[in-house]
């Protein structure tokens, strides 16, 4: 297990939900936490309620200038956790260009913008910790998930590429692939969500993974087996089951 005392961690996408719950876990373990998102009011509330040293920095990951300014204001950190994301459920028949583009631009390209500001410094120092939040949906294409599933597949792929490059260095790369978590995003779903988790429960799993040397964690375990196993199904069977 890692010693979190005195470590500085920047959590991006931490104004509520999983990000805010993880901030509470990390702060209680002794880490200095900087929470970021677009909403200053929510960030101020989260930071003020944390038990340890904490601050906030607004950021819009869809705006490169905002990302550069935020990274400069935050300064050098020991770790970065990327949790930012948006979601609207729709399929190809009801394609919403603005929403699809926003999911790609925030969920994936936003991650790329942030990594561009923090990875070079960590590589130069040969020290750092990067945690990327993907999703179980990233394992294979799903119906009515045009923007979200594609963006999460991209984040998972980026994490795998970074791990391949950095696994023998002092920069640790990890990815987490959660299932359904009860947040403002999943409230948009009009279907039953199996194994729906509270943010606090999911944050406990993520924090446990962060303290390990493992690269990837997909959860809940039983639900994740369905998605991971689907990669080995032939197309005709996969689409018959998942449609």
Protein backbone atom coordinates (compact mmCIF):
# COMPACT_ATOMS: atom_id res chain seq x y z
CA UNK A 1 0.00 0.00 0.00
CA UNK A 2 1.11 3.53 -0.74
CA UNK A 3 1.82 6.14 1.88
CA UNK A 4 -0.51 8.99 0.98
CA UNK A 5 0.64 11.43 3.67
CA UNK A 6 1.89 14.67 2.16
CA UNK A 7 1.29 13.61 -1.45
CA UNK A 8 -0.37 16.15 -3.78
CA UNK A 9 -3.10 14.74 -6.01
CA UNK A 10 -5.09 16.60 -8.65
CA UNK A 11 -8.57 15.17 -9.20
CA UNK A 12 -10.22 16.41 -12.38
CA UNK A 13 -13.97 15.95 -12.50
CA UNK A 14 -14.42 16.00 -8.74
CA UNK A 15 -17.28 18.41 -8.06
CA UNK A 16 -19.68 15.56 -7.28
CA UNK A 17 -20.26 11.82 -7.72
CA UNK A 18 -17.31 9.46 -7.87
CA UNK A 19 -14.75 12.28 -8.00
CA UNK A 20 -15.97 13.99 -4.84
CA UNK A 21 -16.24 10.65 -3.02
CA UNK A 22 -12.69 9.75 -4.03
CA UNK A 23 -11.46 13.17 -2.87
CA UNK A 24 -12.90 12.44 0.57
CA UNK A 25 -11.16 9.05 0.67
CA UNK A 26 -7.81 10.49 -0.34
CA UNK A 27 -8.03 13.49 1.98
CA UNK A 28 -8.88 11.27 4.95
CA UNK A 29 -5.77 9.21 4.16
CA UNK A 30 -3.48 12.22 4.42
CA UNK A 31 -3.09 13.34 0.82
CA UNK A 32 -3.32 16.98 -0.19
CA UNK A 33 -6.15 17.13 -2.70
CA UNK A 34 -6.82 19.66 -5.44
CA UNK A 35 -10.29 19.21 -6.93
CA UNK A 36 -11.16 20.53 -10.36
CA UNK A 37 -14.22 20.86 -12.57
CA UNK A 38 -16.13 23.68 -14.23
CA UNK A 39 -18.45 24.59 -11.34
CA UNK A 40 -16.61 26.83 -8.86
CA UNK A 41 -19.46 26.79 -6.32
CA UNK A 42 -19.54 22.98 -6.14
CA UNK A 43 -15.76 22.75 -5.99
CA UNK A 44 -15.60 25.23 -3.12
CA UNK A 45 -18.12 23.13 -1.17
CA UNK A 46 -16.23 19.89 -1.81
CA UNK A 47 -12.85 21.39 -0.87
CA UNK A 48 -14.21 23.03 2.28
CA UNK A 49 -15.67 19.75 3.50
CA UNK A 50 -12.49 17.70 3.07
CA UNK A 51 -10.76 16.75 6.34
CA UNK A 52 -7.20 17.40 5.15
CA UNK A 53 -5.32 20.05 3.20
CA UNK A 54 -7.38 20.84 0.13
CA UNK A 55 -7.99 23.45 -2.54
CA UNK A 56 -9.81 23.78 -5.83
CA UNK A 57 -9.06 24.97 -9.34
CA UNK A 58 -11.66 25.48 -12.04
CA UNK A 59 -11.02 23.85 -15.39
CA UNK A 60 -12.84 23.24 -18.65
CA UNK A 61 -11.17 20.22 -20.23
CA UNK A 62 -12.83 21.06 -23.57
CA UNK A 63 -10.80 24.30 -23.68
CA UNK A 64 -7.06 23.89 -24.17
CA UNK A 65 -6.26 27.35 -22.81
CA UNK A 66 -8.23 26.52 -19.66
CA UNK A 67 -6.33 23.25 -19.24
CA UNK A 68 -2.96 24.97 -19.66
CA UNK A 69 -3.89 27.71 -17.18
CA UNK A 70 -5.23 25.21 -14.63
CA UNK A 71 -2.15 23.00 -14.84
CA UNK A 72 0.08 26.02 -14.32
CA UNK A 73 -1.97 27.18 -11.33
CA UNK A 74 -1.97 23.74 -9.71
CA UNK A 75 1.76 23.26 -10.20
CA UNK A 76 3.73 20.08 -9.68
CA UNK A 77 1.73 17.16 -8.33
CA UNK A 78 2.48 13.59 -7.33
CA UNK A 79 -0.59 12.23 -9.04
CA UNK A 80 -3.47 13.05 -11.37
CA UNK A 81 -6.84 11.31 -11.47
CA UNK A 82 -8.98 12.03 -14.53
CA UNK A 83 -12.69 11.55 -13.85
CA UNK A 84 -14.28 14.21 -16.05
CA UNK A 85 -17.06 13.07 -18.31
CA UNK A 86 -20.44 13.82 -19.85
CA UNK A 87 -23.11 11.43 -21.07
CA UNK A 88 -26.31 11.41 -23.09
CA UNK A 89 -27.90 8.11 -24.14
CA UNK A 90 -28.90 7.87 -27.79
CA UNK A 91 -28.30 5.64 -30.79
CA UNK A 92 -27.39 6.21 -34.41
CA UNK A 93 -31.05 6.61 -35.37
CA UNK A 94 -31.36 9.70 -33.13
CA UNK A 95 -27.86 11.09 -33.63
CA UNK A 96 -27.37 14.38 -31.78
CA UNK A 97 -24.24 15.96 -33.23
CA UNK A 98 -23.68 18.46 -30.42
CA UNK A 99 -23.99 15.86 -27.68
CA UNK A 100 -21.91 13.27 -29.53
CA UNK A 101 -19.15 15.79 -30.15
CA UNK A 102 -19.23 16.93 -26.51
CA UNK A 103 -18.80 13.35 -25.26
CA UNK A 104 -15.82 12.82 -27.53
CA UNK A 105 -14.32 16.22 -26.73
CA UNK A 106 -14.66 16.04 -22.95
CA UNK A 107 -14.39 12.32 -22.16
CA UNK A 108 -11.45 11.58 -24.45
CA UNK A 109 -9.91 14.70 -26.00
CA UNK A 110 -10.16 16.42 -22.63
CA UNK A 111 -8.09 13.60 -21.19
CA UNK A 112 -5.51 14.09 -23.94
CA UNK A 113 -5.30 17.81 -23.17
CA UNK A 114 -4.68 17.16 -19.48
CA UNK A 115 -2.12 14.42 -20.13
CA UNK A 116 -0.27 16.79 -22.44
CA UNK A 117 0.27 19.14 -19.52
CA UNK A 118 1.24 16.64 -16.80
CA UNK A 119 2.94 13.67 -18.46
CA UNK A 120 6.07 15.45 -19.77
CA UNK A 121 6.92 16.76 -16.29
CA UNK A 122 6.40 13.35 -14.69
CA UNK A 123 8.54 11.67 -17.33
CA UNK A 124 11.27 14.27 -16.81
CA UNK A 125 11.19 13.61 -13.04
CA UNK A 126 10.74 9.85 -13.53
CA UNK A 127 8.05 10.04 -10.87
CA UNK A 128 4.29 10.33 -10.83
CA UNK A 129 0.98 8.54 -10.69
CA UNK A 130 -1.71 8.74 -13.38
CA UNK A 131 -5.17 7.25 -12.92
CA UNK A 132 -7.59 7.25 -15.86
CA UNK A 133 -11.31 6.55 -15.52
CA UNK A 134 -12.76 4.56 -18.38
CA UNK A 135 -15.84 2.30 -18.19
CA UNK A 136 -17.03 -1.26 -18.67
CA UNK A 137 -18.76 0.03 -21.79
CA UNK A 138 -15.34 0.58 -23.36
CA UNK A 139 -14.75 -3.12 -23.96
CA UNK A 140 -17.12 -3.41 -26.93
CA UNK A 141 -19.72 -1.39 -28.85
CA UNK A 142 -23.19 -1.13 -27.33
CA UNK A 143 -26.60 -0.01 -28.62
CA UNK A 144 -27.79 3.52 -27.81
CA UNK A 145 -24.32 4.60 -26.73
CA UNK A 146 -22.93 6.45 -29.73
CA UNK A 147 -20.71 8.99 -28.01
CA UNK A 148 -20.07 7.55 -24.58
CA UNK A 149 -18.93 4.03 -25.39
CA UNK A 150 -16.61 5.21 -28.17
CA UNK A 151 -15.04 7.85 -25.92
CA UNK A 152 -14.51 5.34 -23.11
CA UNK A 153 -12.97 2.80 -25.47
CA UNK A 154 -10.56 5.55 -26.49
CA UNK A 155 -9.66 6.40 -22.89
CA UNK A 156 -9.01 2.72 -22.16
CA UNK A 157 -6.80 2.44 -25.24
CA UNK A 158 -4.84 5.56 -24.29
CA UNK A 159 -4.25 4.18 -20.80
CA UNK A 160 -2.99 0.91 -22.30
CA UNK A 161 -0.61 2.78 -24.62
CA UNK A 162 0.73 4.89 -21.77
CA UNK A 163 1.19 1.84 -19.57
CA UNK A 164 3.08 0.07 -22.36
CA UNK A 165 5.45 3.04 -22.60
CA UNK A 166 5.88 3.83 -18.90
CA UNK A 167 5.49 0.53 -17.03
CA UNK A 168 9.24 0.17 -16.40
CA UNK A 169 9.71 3.80 -15.35
CA UNK A 170 8.93 5.71 -12.17
CA UNK A 171 5.60 6.90 -13.61
CA UNK A 172 2.75 4.58 -12.67
CA UNK A 173 -0.26 4.42 -14.98
CA UNK A 174 -3.55 2.85 -13.93
CA UNK A 175 -7.04 2.61 -15.41
CA UNK A 176 -10.36 1.88 -13.71
CA UNK A 177 -13.42 0.61 -15.57
CA UNK A 178 -16.53 1.04 -13.41
CA UNK A 179 -20.00 -0.20 -14.17
CA UNK A 180 -23.08 1.81 -13.24
CA UNK A 181 -22.58 4.40 -10.48
CA UNK A 182 -25.49 6.42 -9.10
CA UNK A 183 -24.73 9.93 -10.36
CA UNK A 184 -26.37 12.74 -12.32
CA UNK A 185 -25.20 11.00 -15.49
CA UNK A 186 -26.80 7.62 -14.85
CA UNK A 187 -30.05 9.33 -13.82
CA UNK A 188 -30.54 9.92 -17.55
CA UNK A 189 -30.94 6.19 -18.16
CA UNK A 190 -34.48 4.87 -18.56
CA UNK A 191 -33.55 1.21 -18.08
CA UNK A 192 -32.69 -0.99 -15.12
CA UNK A 193 -29.00 -0.72 -14.29
CA UNK A 194 -27.58 -3.97 -12.89
CA UNK A 195 -25.18 -3.76 -9.94
CA UNK A 196 -25.79 0.00 -9.52
CA UNK A 197 -23.23 1.31 -7.02
CA UNK A 198 -23.20 4.30 -4.69
CA UNK A 199 -20.34 6.76 -5.35
CA UNK A 200 -18.79 6.01 -1.95
CA UNK A 201 -18.66 2.28 -2.68
CA UNK A 202 -17.11 2.83 -6.09
CA UNK A 203 -14.60 5.31 -4.63
CA UNK A 204 -13.47 2.68 -2.13
CA UNK A 205 -12.70 0.27 -4.96
CA UNK A 206 -10.87 2.93 -6.96
CA UNK A 207 -8.84 4.01 -3.94
CA UNK A 208 -7.93 0.41 -3.17
CA UNK A 209 -6.74 -0.02 -6.75
CA UNK A 210 -4.70 3.18 -6.57
CA UNK A 211 -2.83 1.76 -3.59
CA UNK A 212 -1.86 -1.34 -5.55
CA UNK A 213 0.67 -2.07 -8.28
CA UNK A 214 -1.98 -3.41 -10.67
CA UNK A 215 -2.66 -1.66 -13.95
CA UNK A 216 -6.35 -2.29 -14.65
CA UNK A 217 -9.40 -2.73 -12.41
CA UNK A 218 -12.85 -3.48 -13.81
CA UNK A 219 -15.78 -3.58 -11.42
CA UNK A 220 -18.20 -4.75 -10.10
CA UNK A 221 -16.41 -8.07 -10.61
CA UNK A 222 -19.35 -10.21 -11.70
CA UNK A 223 -20.73 -7.54 -14.01
CA UNK A 224 -17.29 -6.91 -15.50
CA UNK A 225 -16.98 -10.59 -16.46
CA UNK A 226 -19.90 -10.10 -18.85
CA UNK A 227 -18.22 -7.22 -20.64
CA UNK A 228 -14.73 -8.69 -20.66
CA UNK A 229 -16.06 -12.03 -21.86
CA UNK A 230 -18.02 -10.36 -24.65
CA UNK A 231 -14.76 -9.58 -26.44
CA UNK A 232 -14.42 -13.26 -27.27
CA UNK A 233 -17.92 -13.75 -28.67
CA UNK A 234 -18.41 -13.90 -32.45
CA UNK A 235 -20.21 -10.86 -33.85
CA UNK A 236 -23.44 -12.69 -34.69
CA UNK A 237 -23.82 -13.93 -31.11
CA UNK A 238 -22.63 -10.77 -29.41
CA UNK A 239 -25.10 -8.49 -31.20
CA UNK A 240 -27.94 -10.93 -30.71
CA UNK A 241 -27.34 -10.90 -26.94
CA UNK A 242 -26.47 -7.23 -26.42
CA UNK A 243 -29.10 -5.77 -28.70
